[in-house]
Amino acid sequence: MNERKYSFKKISTIILSVFFAISLIYFLYTKDSMGISVCIFGLILISILYKINKSKPKLLTDELYCIFIWYTCIASILGSGYGLYSINHYDDFLHFVSGILTVIVACTILKYFNTKEQLKEMNLIFIVIFILMFSMGVASFWEIGEYSMDHILHTNTQVGGLTDTIMDMIDAFLGCVISILYVVRKIKNQK
């Protein structure tokens, strides 16, 4: 059996593409514009990320690709399309996880643009500041996006207004800090 033929990446891509397509048909049938939008977004995102993964596998590793597409399913399709955001703390959980994911992305960016030797010589405080600023910057842009969607497209992503925005930022910050502690411990063990 060819191991690459049945990789987690390939299985995830197939399962989620089929799920997004079936969901799109369902939302078209029910005339749910939010569901239609998130399914189209999900299918486009899978295509774009798959191409980036193929052309730049060091920047977007197979693991990171899988994390992004599964997160898209959980946040967009299940959350917005099927209404799981109505479950208490579902949004908090996703923003917490996004804090973890952005730390992984920041570390991947550092590894992509630096050699192992350069990373070993890099100041630990700089690494922590870079990861923290990157993670919180992504969280800020996300909240700006939610705010913009609510005012331009008349959606309702920030149900709790300012309180929702601040709680989302705190959730992302907590996920980020916990992940940074892990990264710092790993770096210290390598040195």
N, C-alpha and C. Protein backbone atom coordinates (compact mmCIF):
# COMPACT_ATOMS: atom_id res chain seq x y z
N MET A 1 0.85 -1.18 0.00
CA MET A 1 0.00 0.00 0.00
C MET A 1 0.89 1.24 0.00
N ASN A 2 0.63 2.16 -0.89
CA ASN A 2 1.40 3.39 -0.98
C ASN A 2 1.02 4.32 0.16
N GLU A 3 2.01 4.61 1.04
CA GLU A 3 1.74 5.42 2.23
C GLU A 3 1.30 6.83 1.86
N ARG A 4 1.94 7.44 0.86
CA ARG A 4 1.59 8.81 0.47
C ARG A 4 0.18 8.87 -0.13
N LYS A 5 -0.23 7.79 -0.77
CA LYS A 5 -1.55 7.76 -1.40
C LYS A 5 -2.65 7.92 -0.36
N TYR A 6 -2.42 7.42 0.84
CA TYR A 6 -3.44 7.47 1.88
C TYR A 6 -3.00 8.37 3.06
N SER A 7 -2.29 9.44 2.75
CA SER A 7 -1.82 10.33 3.81
C SER A 7 -2.99 11.07 4.46
N PHE A 8 -2.75 11.53 5.67
CA PHE A 8 -3.77 12.29 6.40
C PHE A 8 -4.16 13.55 5.62
N LYS A 9 -3.17 14.15 4.97
CA LYS A 9 -3.44 15.34 4.16
C LYS A 9 -4.44 15.03 3.04
N LYS A 10 -4.20 13.94 2.33
CA LYS A 10 -5.07 13.58 1.21
C LYS A 10 -6.46 13.20 1.70
N ILE A 11 -6.52 12.41 2.76
CA ILE A 11 -7.81 12.00 3.32
C ILE A 11 -8.58 13.23 3.82
N SER A 12 -7.89 14.14 4.52
CA SER A 12 -8.54 15.35 5.02
C SER A 12 -9.06 16.21 3.88
N THR A 13 -8.26 16.36 2.83
CA THR A 13 -8.67 17.16 1.68
C THR A 13 -9.92 16.58 1.03
N ILE A 14 -9.94 15.29 0.85
CA ILE A 14 -11.09 14.64 0.21
C ILE A 14 -12.34 14.75 1.09
N ILE A 15 -12.20 14.37 2.37
CA ILE A 15 -13.35 14.40 3.28
C ILE A 15 -13.93 15.80 3.38
N LEU A 16 -13.07 16.78 3.60
CA LEU A 16 -13.58 18.14 3.79
C LEU A 16 -14.10 18.75 2.50
N SER A 17 -13.48 18.47 1.38
CA SER A 17 -13.99 18.98 0.09
C SER A 17 -15.39 18.42 -0.18
N VAL A 18 -15.56 17.12 0.07
CA VAL A 18 -16.88 16.50 -0.14
C VAL A 18 -17.89 17.07 0.85
N PHE A 19 -17.49 17.22 2.12
CA PHE A 19 -18.38 17.77 3.13
C PHE A 19 -18.79 19.21 2.79
N PHE A 20 -17.82 20.02 2.36
CA PHE A 20 -18.13 21.41 1.98
C PHE A 20 -19.06 21.44 0.78
N ALA A 21 -18.82 20.56 -0.20
CA ALA A 21 -19.67 20.54 -1.41
C ALA A 21 -21.09 20.10 -1.07
N ILE A 22 -21.24 19.04 -0.27
CA ILE A 22 -22.57 18.57 0.14
C ILE A 22 -23.28 19.65 0.96
N SER A 23 -22.53 20.30 1.85
CA SER A 23 -23.10 21.39 2.64
C SER A 23 -23.54 22.53 1.75
N LEU A 24 -22.76 22.84 0.73
CA LEU A 24 -23.13 23.90 -0.21
C LEU A 24 -24.45 23.57 -0.90
N ILE A 25 -24.61 22.34 -1.33
CA ILE A 25 -25.86 21.92 -1.96
C ILE A 25 -27.02 22.07 -0.98
N TYR A 26 -26.80 21.64 0.26
CA TYR A 26 -27.84 21.78 1.29
C TYR A 26 -28.21 23.24 1.52
N PHE A 27 -27.21 24.11 1.65
CA PHE A 27 -27.49 25.52 1.90
C PHE A 27 -28.12 26.21 0.68
N LEU A 28 -27.76 25.75 -0.51
CA LEU A 28 -28.43 26.28 -1.71
C LEU A 28 -29.91 25.88 -1.69
N TYR A 29 -30.18 24.64 -1.30
CA TYR A 29 -31.55 24.14 -1.22
C TYR A 29 -32.36 24.90 -0.17
N THR A 30 -31.73 25.19 0.98
CA THR A 30 -32.44 25.90 2.06
C THR A 30 -32.36 27.42 1.91
N LYS A 31 -31.64 27.87 0.90
CA LYS A 31 -31.46 29.31 0.61
C LYS A 31 -30.85 30.06 1.80
N ASP A 32 -29.87 29.42 2.44
CA ASP A 32 -29.16 30.00 3.58
C ASP A 32 -27.91 30.72 3.05
N SER A 33 -27.98 32.04 2.97
CA SER A 33 -26.88 32.80 2.37
C SER A 33 -25.58 32.70 3.17
N MET A 34 -25.67 32.66 4.49
CA MET A 34 -24.46 32.51 5.31
C MET A 34 -23.83 31.15 5.05
N GLY A 35 -24.63 30.10 5.03
CA GLY A 35 -24.12 28.76 4.75
C GLY A 35 -23.47 28.67 3.38
N ILE A 36 -24.12 29.27 2.40
CA ILE A 36 -23.58 29.28 1.03
C ILE A 36 -22.22 29.98 1.02
N SER A 37 -22.16 31.13 1.67
CA SER A 37 -20.92 31.93 1.69
C SER A 37 -19.77 31.17 2.34
N VAL A 38 -20.01 30.56 3.51
CA VAL A 38 -18.92 29.87 4.20
C VAL A 38 -18.48 28.62 3.44
N CYS A 39 -19.40 27.96 2.76
CA CYS A 39 -19.01 26.78 1.96
C CYS A 39 -18.15 27.17 0.77
N ILE A 40 -18.55 28.23 0.09
CA ILE A 40 -17.74 28.72 -1.03
C ILE A 40 -16.37 29.15 -0.53
N PHE A 41 -16.35 29.90 0.58
CA PHE A 41 -15.09 30.32 1.19
C PHE A 41 -14.23 29.09 1.51
N GLY A 42 -14.82 28.07 2.12
CA GLY A 42 -14.08 26.87 2.50
C GLY A 42 -13.48 26.15 1.30
N LEU A 43 -14.26 26.02 0.24
CA LEU A 43 -13.77 25.34 -0.97
C LEU A 43 -12.64 26.12 -1.63
N ILE A 44 -12.79 27.44 -1.68
CA ILE A 44 -11.73 28.28 -2.26
C ILE A 44 -10.47 28.20 -1.40
N LEU A 45 -10.64 28.27 -0.08
CA LEU A 45 -9.50 28.23 0.82
C LEU A 45 -8.74 26.91 0.71
N ILE A 46 -9.46 25.80 0.64
CA ILE A 46 -8.80 24.50 0.48
C ILE A 46 -7.96 24.50 -0.80
N SER A 47 -8.52 25.01 -1.89
CA SER A 47 -7.79 25.05 -3.16
C SER A 47 -6.52 25.89 -3.07
N ILE A 48 -6.66 27.07 -2.47
CA ILE A 48 -5.50 27.98 -2.35
C ILE A 48 -4.43 27.36 -1.45
N LEU A 49 -4.84 26.87 -0.29
CA LEU A 49 -3.87 26.29 0.65
C LEU A 49 -3.20 25.05 0.07
N TYR A 50 -3.95 24.25 -0.67
CA TYR A 50 -3.39 23.05 -1.30
C TYR A 50 -2.29 23.43 -2.29
N LYS A 51 -2.55 24.48 -3.08
CA LYS A 51 -1.55 24.93 -4.06
C LYS A 51 -0.31 25.49 -3.37
N ILE A 52 -0.52 26.26 -2.29
CA ILE A 52 0.62 26.80 -1.54
C ILE A 52 1.42 25.67 -0.92
N ASN A 53 0.73 24.68 -0.36
CA ASN A 53 1.40 23.53 0.24
C ASN A 53 2.24 22.78 -0.79
N LYS A 54 1.73 22.65 -2.00
CA LYS A 54 2.47 21.96 -3.07
C LYS A 54 3.70 22.75 -3.50
N SER A 55 3.55 24.08 -3.63
CA SER A 55 4.65 24.89 -4.14
C SER A 55 5.63 25.34 -3.05
N LYS A 56 5.17 25.47 -1.82
CA LYS A 56 6.03 25.92 -0.71
C LYS A 56 5.83 25.02 0.51
N PRO A 57 6.20 23.74 0.42
CA PRO A 57 5.94 22.81 1.53
C PRO A 57 6.69 23.14 2.81
N LYS A 58 7.78 23.89 2.71
CA LYS A 58 8.50 24.28 3.93
C LYS A 58 7.75 25.40 4.65
N LEU A 59 7.08 26.26 3.90
CA LEU A 59 6.31 27.36 4.50
C LEU A 59 4.97 26.87 5.03
N LEU A 60 4.25 26.10 4.20
CA LEU A 60 2.97 25.53 4.61
C LEU A 60 3.12 24.01 4.61
N THR A 61 3.54 23.49 5.75
CA THR A 61 3.77 22.05 5.87
C THR A 61 2.44 21.29 5.74
N ASP A 62 2.54 20.00 5.53
CA ASP A 62 1.34 19.16 5.45
C ASP A 62 0.53 19.27 6.74
N GLU A 63 1.21 19.27 7.86
CA GLU A 63 0.52 19.35 9.15
C GLU A 63 -0.23 20.66 9.30
N LEU A 64 0.45 21.77 8.95
CA LEU A 64 -0.16 23.09 9.05
C LEU A 64 -1.34 23.22 8.09
N TYR A 65 -1.19 22.66 6.89
CA TYR A 65 -2.28 22.65 5.92
C TYR A 65 -3.50 21.95 6.51
N CYS A 66 -3.29 20.77 7.10
CA CYS A 66 -4.40 20.01 7.68
C CYS A 66 -5.05 20.77 8.84
N ILE A 67 -4.22 21.39 9.68
CA ILE A 67 -4.76 22.17 10.79
C ILE A 67 -5.65 23.28 10.27
N PHE A 68 -5.20 24.00 9.25
CA PHE A 68 -5.98 25.12 8.70
C PHE A 68 -7.31 24.68 8.10
N ILE A 69 -7.29 23.58 7.34
CA ILE A 69 -8.55 23.19 6.69
C ILE A 69 -9.54 22.62 7.69
N TRP A 70 -9.04 21.89 8.71
CA TRP A 70 -9.95 21.39 9.75
C TRP A 70 -10.49 22.54 10.59
N TYR A 71 -9.64 23.51 10.88
CA TYR A 71 -10.09 24.69 11.63
C TYR A 71 -11.15 25.45 10.85
N THR A 72 -10.95 25.56 9.54
CA THR A 72 -11.95 26.22 8.68
C THR A 72 -13.29 25.49 8.76
N CYS A 73 -13.24 24.18 8.77
CA CYS A 73 -14.47 23.40 8.87
C CYS A 73 -15.17 23.66 10.20
N ILE A 74 -14.40 23.60 11.29
CA ILE A 74 -14.98 23.76 12.62
C ILE A 74 -15.49 25.18 12.84
N ALA A 75 -14.71 26.17 12.39
CA ALA A 75 -15.09 27.57 12.64
C ALA A 75 -16.14 28.06 11.66
N SER A 76 -15.90 27.86 10.37
CA SER A 76 -16.79 28.45 9.35
C SER A 76 -18.02 27.59 9.06
N ILE A 77 -17.78 26.36 8.62
CA ILE A 77 -18.90 25.53 8.18
C ILE A 77 -19.78 25.12 9.36
N LEU A 78 -19.15 24.51 10.37
CA LEU A 78 -19.95 24.07 11.52
C LEU A 78 -20.40 25.25 12.37
N GLY A 79 -19.49 26.20 12.62
CA GLY A 79 -19.83 27.34 13.47
C GLY A 79 -20.85 28.27 12.86
N SER A 80 -20.50 28.84 11.69
CA SER A 80 -21.40 29.81 11.05
C SER A 80 -22.49 29.14 10.23
N GLY A 81 -22.13 28.13 9.45
CA GLY A 81 -23.11 27.48 8.58
C GLY A 81 -24.17 26.70 9.33
N TYR A 82 -23.73 25.84 10.23
CA TYR A 82 -24.67 24.99 10.96
C TYR A 82 -25.04 25.51 12.35
N GLY A 83 -24.57 26.70 12.67
CA GLY A 83 -25.02 27.38 13.89
C GLY A 83 -24.44 26.91 15.20
N LEU A 84 -23.25 26.31 15.18
CA LEU A 84 -22.67 25.84 16.44
C LEU A 84 -22.18 26.98 17.35
N TYR A 85 -22.10 28.18 16.79
CA TYR A 85 -21.72 29.32 17.63
C TYR A 85 -22.78 29.59 18.71
N SER A 86 -23.95 29.02 18.56
CA SER A 86 -24.99 29.20 19.59
C SER A 86 -24.69 28.37 20.84
N ILE A 87 -23.75 27.43 20.74
CA ILE A 87 -23.33 26.64 21.90
C ILE A 87 -22.45 27.54 22.78
N ASN A 88 -22.73 27.54 24.09
CA ASN A 88 -21.94 28.36 25.01
C ASN A 88 -20.45 28.07 24.90
N HIS A 89 -19.67 29.11 24.78
CA HIS A 89 -18.20 29.09 24.77
C HIS A 89 -17.59 28.44 23.53
N TYR A 90 -18.39 28.14 22.51
CA TYR A 90 -17.84 27.61 21.25
C TYR A 90 -16.89 28.63 20.65
N ASP A 91 -17.34 29.89 20.63
CA ASP A 91 -16.52 30.98 20.09
C ASP A 91 -15.25 31.16 20.92
N ASP A 92 -15.38 31.08 22.25
CA ASP A 92 -14.20 31.21 23.12
C ASP A 92 -13.18 30.12 22.81
N PHE A 93 -13.66 28.90 22.66
CA PHE A 93 -12.78 27.77 22.35
C PHE A 93 -12.03 28.01 21.05
N LEU A 94 -12.74 28.47 20.01
CA LEU A 94 -12.11 28.68 18.71
C LEU A 94 -11.07 29.80 18.76
N HIS A 95 -11.36 30.88 19.48
CA HIS A 95 -10.38 31.97 19.59
C HIS A 95 -9.17 31.53 20.41
N PHE A 96 -9.38 30.69 21.41
CA PHE A 96 -8.27 30.13 22.18
C PHE A 96 -7.38 29.29 21.26
N VAL A 97 -8.01 28.43 20.47
CA VAL A 97 -7.27 27.58 19.53
C VAL A 97 -6.56 28.44 18.48
N SER A 98 -7.20 29.53 18.06
CA SER A 98 -6.56 30.40 17.07
C SER A 98 -5.27 31.01 17.64
N GLY A 99 -5.25 31.27 18.95
CA GLY A 99 -4.02 31.76 19.58
C GLY A 99 -2.90 30.74 19.48
N ILE A 100 -3.24 29.48 19.64
CA ILE A 100 -2.27 28.39 19.51
C ILE A 100 -1.80 28.28 18.05
N LEU A 101 -2.74 28.32 17.13
CA LEU A 101 -2.41 28.18 15.71
C LEU A 101 -1.51 29.30 15.21
N THR A 102 -1.78 30.52 15.65
CA THR A 102 -0.95 31.64 15.17
C THR A 102 0.47 31.54 15.71
N VAL A 103 0.65 30.94 16.87
CA VAL A 103 2.00 30.70 17.38
C VAL A 103 2.71 29.67 16.49
N ILE A 104 1.99 28.65 16.09
CA ILE A 104 2.57 27.65 15.18
C ILE A 104 2.97 28.30 13.86
N VAL A 105 2.11 29.18 13.36
CA VAL A 105 2.42 29.88 12.10
C VAL A 105 3.64 30.77 12.28
N ALA A 106 3.70 31.52 13.38
CA ALA A 106 4.85 32.40 13.63
C ALA A 106 6.15 31.60 13.70
N CYS A 107 6.12 30.45 14.36
CA CYS A 107 7.31 29.59 14.43
C CYS A 107 7.69 29.07 13.05
N THR A 108 6.70 28.72 12.26
CA THR A 108 6.96 28.25 10.90
C THR A 108 7.60 29.34 10.06
N ILE A 109 7.12 30.57 10.21
CA ILE A 109 7.70 31.70 9.48
C ILE A 109 9.17 31.91 9.89
N LEU A 110 9.44 31.85 11.19
CA LEU A 110 10.82 31.98 11.66
C LEU A 110 11.71 30.90 11.05
N LYS A 111 11.21 29.66 11.04
CA LYS A 111 12.00 28.55 10.47
C LYS A 111 12.18 28.70 8.96
N TYR A 112 11.16 29.24 8.29
CA TYR A 112 11.22 29.37 6.83
C TYR A 112 12.28 30.39 6.41
N PHE A 113 12.38 31.50 7.14
CA PHE A 113 13.26 32.58 6.74
C PHE A 113 14.64 32.54 7.40
N ASN A 114 14.90 31.56 8.24
CA ASN A 114 16.18 31.46 8.93
C ASN A 114 16.70 30.03 8.89
N THR A 115 18.02 29.91 8.87
CA THR A 115 18.63 28.59 8.95
C THR A 115 18.61 28.13 10.40
N LYS A 116 18.91 26.86 10.63
CA LYS A 116 18.96 26.34 12.00
C LYS A 116 20.02 27.08 12.82
N GLU A 117 21.13 27.39 12.17
CA GLU A 117 22.20 28.11 12.86
C GLU A 117 21.74 29.52 13.26
N GLN A 118 21.04 30.20 12.35
CA GLN A 118 20.53 31.55 12.66
C GLN A 118 19.52 31.50 13.81
N LEU A 119 18.67 30.48 13.80
CA LEU A 119 17.68 30.35 14.87
C LEU A 119 18.35 30.12 16.22
N LYS A 120 19.42 29.32 16.23
CA LYS A 120 20.13 29.06 17.48
C LYS A 120 20.76 30.32 18.05
N GLU A 121 21.19 31.20 17.15
CA GLU A 121 21.84 32.45 17.57
C GLU A 121 20.83 33.55 17.91
N MET A 122 19.59 33.36 17.53
CA MET A 122 18.58 34.39 17.73
C MET A 122 18.27 34.57 19.22
N ASN A 123 18.10 35.82 19.62
CA ASN A 123 17.79 36.15 21.00
C ASN A 123 16.40 35.62 21.35
N LEU A 124 16.30 34.91 22.48
CA LEU A 124 15.04 34.31 22.92
C LEU A 124 13.96 35.37 23.15
N ILE A 125 14.37 36.52 23.70
CA ILE A 125 13.39 37.59 23.95
C ILE A 125 12.81 38.09 22.62
N PHE A 126 13.66 38.21 21.58
CA PHE A 126 13.16 38.62 20.27
C PHE A 126 12.15 37.61 19.74
N ILE A 127 12.47 36.33 19.88
CA ILE A 127 11.58 35.28 19.39
C ILE A 127 10.22 35.38 20.08
N VAL A 128 10.23 35.54 21.39
CA VAL A 128 8.98 35.64 22.15
C VAL A 128 8.18 36.87 21.72
N ILE A 129 8.87 38.02 21.58
CA ILE A 129 8.17 39.25 21.15
C ILE A 129 7.59 39.08 19.75
N PHE A 130 8.38 38.50 18.84
CA PHE A 130 7.89 38.29 17.47
C PHE A 130 6.64 37.42 17.47
N ILE A 131 6.70 36.29 18.17
CA ILE A 131 5.57 35.36 18.19
C ILE A 131 4.34 36.02 18.82
N LEU A 132 4.54 36.71 19.94
CA LEU A 132 3.43 37.38 20.62
C LEU A 132 2.79 38.44 19.72
N MET A 133 3.62 39.29 19.12
CA MET A 133 3.09 40.37 18.26
C MET A 133 2.41 39.80 17.01
N PHE A 134 2.99 38.75 16.45
CA PHE A 134 2.38 38.13 15.27
C PHE A 134 1.00 37.57 15.63
N SER A 135 0.95 36.81 16.72
CA SER A 135 -0.29 36.17 17.14
C SER A 135 -1.37 37.20 17.46
N MET A 136 -1.02 38.22 18.22
CA MET A 136 -2.02 39.23 18.59
C MET A 136 -2.37 40.12 17.40
N GLY A 137 -1.43 40.29 16.47
CA GLY A 137 -1.73 41.03 15.25
C GLY A 137 -2.78 40.31 14.41
N VAL A 138 -2.64 38.99 14.30
CA VAL A 138 -3.63 38.20 13.56
C VAL A 138 -4.99 38.29 14.26
N ALA A 139 -4.99 38.20 15.58
CA ALA A 139 -6.25 38.30 16.34
C ALA A 139 -6.90 39.67 16.11
N SER A 140 -6.09 40.72 16.07
CA SER A 140 -6.61 42.07 15.82
C SER A 140 -7.22 42.19 14.42
N PHE A 141 -6.49 41.68 13.42
CA PHE A 141 -7.02 41.74 12.05
C PHE A 141 -8.33 40.94 11.94
N TRP A 142 -8.39 39.82 12.67
CA TRP A 142 -9.62 39.03 12.65
C TRP A 142 -10.80 39.84 13.19
N GLU A 143 -10.56 40.52 14.29
CA GLU A 143 -11.64 41.33 14.89
C GLU A 143 -12.01 42.51 14.01
N ILE A 144 -11.03 43.10 13.32
CA ILE A 144 -11.32 44.17 12.36
C ILE A 144 -12.18 43.61 11.23
N GLY A 145 -11.86 42.38 10.80
CA GLY A 145 -12.67 41.72 9.75
C GLY A 145 -14.09 41.49 10.20
N GLU A 146 -14.27 41.02 11.45
CA GLU A 146 -15.63 40.82 11.97
C GLU A 146 -16.39 42.14 12.03
N TYR A 147 -15.74 43.16 12.53
CA TYR A 147 -16.36 44.49 12.63
C TYR A 147 -16.77 44.99 11.24
N SER A 148 -15.86 44.83 10.27
CA SER A 148 -16.14 45.28 8.90
C SER A 148 -17.31 44.52 8.29
N MET A 149 -17.32 43.18 8.49
CA MET A 149 -18.43 42.38 7.95
C MET A 149 -19.76 42.83 8.54
N ASP A 150 -19.77 43.08 9.84
CA ASP A 150 -21.02 43.50 10.50
C ASP A 150 -21.52 44.84 9.96
N HIS A 151 -20.59 45.75 9.64
CA HIS A 151 -21.02 47.07 9.19
C HIS A 151 -21.21 47.17 7.68
N ILE A 152 -20.51 46.37 6.92
CA ILE A 152 -20.64 46.43 5.45
C ILE A 152 -21.68 45.43 4.96
N LEU A 153 -21.59 44.18 5.45
CA LEU A 153 -22.49 43.13 4.98
C LEU A 153 -23.69 42.91 5.89
N HIS A 154 -23.76 43.65 6.98
CA HIS A 154 -24.86 43.57 7.95
C HIS A 154 -25.00 42.16 8.54
N THR A 155 -23.84 41.53 8.82
CA THR A 155 -23.86 40.25 9.51
C THR A 155 -23.91 40.52 11.01
N ASN A 156 -23.81 39.48 11.80
CA ASN A 156 -23.90 39.64 13.25
C ASN A 156 -22.81 38.81 13.93
N THR A 157 -21.55 39.03 13.52
CA THR A 157 -20.46 38.23 14.07
C THR A 157 -20.03 38.70 15.45
N GLN A 158 -20.25 39.95 15.76
CA GLN A 158 -19.87 40.49 17.07
C GLN A 158 -21.13 40.73 17.90
N VAL A 159 -21.77 39.63 18.26
CA VAL A 159 -23.05 39.68 18.95
C VAL A 159 -22.96 40.52 20.22
N GLY A 160 -21.87 40.38 20.96
CA GLY A 160 -21.74 41.10 22.23
C GLY A 160 -21.03 42.43 22.11
N GLY A 161 -20.82 42.94 20.88
CA GLY A 161 -20.17 44.22 20.70
C GLY A 161 -18.75 44.24 21.22
N LEU A 162 -18.40 45.31 21.94
CA LEU A 162 -17.05 45.48 22.46
C LEU A 162 -16.66 44.35 23.41
N THR A 163 -17.60 43.91 24.22
CA THR A 163 -17.31 42.81 25.16
C THR A 163 -16.91 41.55 24.40
N ASP A 164 -17.60 41.24 23.31
CA ASP A 164 -17.26 40.07 22.49
C ASP A 164 -15.86 40.22 21.91
N THR A 165 -15.57 41.40 21.40
CA THR A 165 -14.25 41.65 20.80
C THR A 165 -13.14 41.45 21.82
N ILE A 166 -13.30 42.04 23.00
CA ILE A 166 -12.27 41.94 24.03
C ILE A 166 -12.13 40.49 24.53
N MET A 167 -13.24 39.79 24.72
CA MET A 167 -13.17 38.39 25.15
C MET A 167 -12.46 37.53 24.10
N ASP A 168 -12.74 37.79 22.82
CA ASP A 168 -12.07 37.05 21.75
C ASP A 168 -10.56 37.30 21.79
N MET A 169 -10.17 38.55 22.03
CA MET A 169 -8.74 38.88 22.11
C MET A 169 -8.09 38.21 23.33
N ILE A 170 -8.80 38.19 24.45
CA ILE A 170 -8.27 37.54 25.66
C ILE A 170 -8.12 36.04 25.42
N ASP A 171 -9.12 35.42 24.78
CA ASP A 171 -9.04 33.99 24.48
C ASP A 171 -7.82 33.68 23.61
N ALA A 172 -7.63 34.49 22.55
CA ALA A 172 -6.48 34.30 21.66
C ALA A 172 -5.17 34.52 22.41
N PHE A 173 -5.15 35.52 23.28
CA PHE A 173 -3.96 35.82 24.07
C PHE A 173 -3.60 34.65 24.98
N LEU A 174 -4.59 34.05 25.63
CA LEU A 174 -4.33 32.91 26.52
C LEU A 174 -3.76 31.72 25.74
N GLY A 175 -4.37 31.43 24.59
CA GLY A 175 -3.84 30.34 23.75
C GLY A 175 -2.42 30.63 23.30
N CYS A 176 -2.16 31.89 22.98
CA CYS A 176 -0.83 32.32 22.56
C CYS A 176 0.18 32.16 23.69
N VAL A 177 -0.13 32.66 24.86
CA VAL A 177 0.81 32.62 25.99
C VAL A 177 1.15 31.17 26.37
N ILE A 178 0.14 30.32 26.43
CA ILE A 178 0.39 28.92 26.76
C ILE A 178 1.31 28.28 25.72
N SER A 179 1.09 28.59 24.46
CA SER A 179 1.92 28.04 23.39
C SER A 179 3.34 28.60 23.44
N ILE A 180 3.46 29.89 23.76
CA ILE A 180 4.79 30.50 23.86
C ILE A 180 5.59 29.85 24.98
N LEU A 181 4.95 29.54 26.09
CA LEU A 181 5.65 28.86 27.19
C LEU A 181 6.22 27.52 26.72
N TYR A 182 5.43 26.81 25.91
CA TYR A 182 5.90 25.54 25.35
C TYR A 182 7.08 25.77 24.41
N VAL A 183 6.98 26.78 23.55
CA VAL A 183 8.05 27.09 22.59
C VAL A 183 9.33 27.46 23.33
N VAL A 184 9.23 28.31 24.35
CA VAL A 184 10.40 28.73 25.12
C VAL A 184 11.06 27.52 25.78
N ARG A 185 10.27 26.65 26.35
CA ARG A 185 10.82 25.44 27.00
C ARG A 185 11.54 24.56 25.96
N LYS A 186 10.94 24.44 24.79
CA LYS A 186 11.54 23.61 23.73
C LYS A 186 12.87 24.23 23.27
N ILE A 187 12.90 25.56 23.10
CA ILE A 187 14.12 26.24 22.66
C ILE A 187 15.22 26.08 23.72
N LYS A 188 14.86 26.26 24.99
CA LYS A 188 15.86 26.13 26.07
C LYS A 188 16.42 24.71 26.13
N ASN A 189 15.59 23.72 25.89
CA ASN A 189 16.06 22.32 25.89
C ASN A 189 17.00 22.04 24.73
N GLN A 190 16.78 22.72 23.61
CA GLN A 190 17.65 22.52 22.43
C GLN A 190 19.01 23.19 22.62
N LYS A 191 19.03 24.27 23.41
CA LYS A 191 20.30 24.98 23.65
C LYS A 191 21.03 24.30 24.78
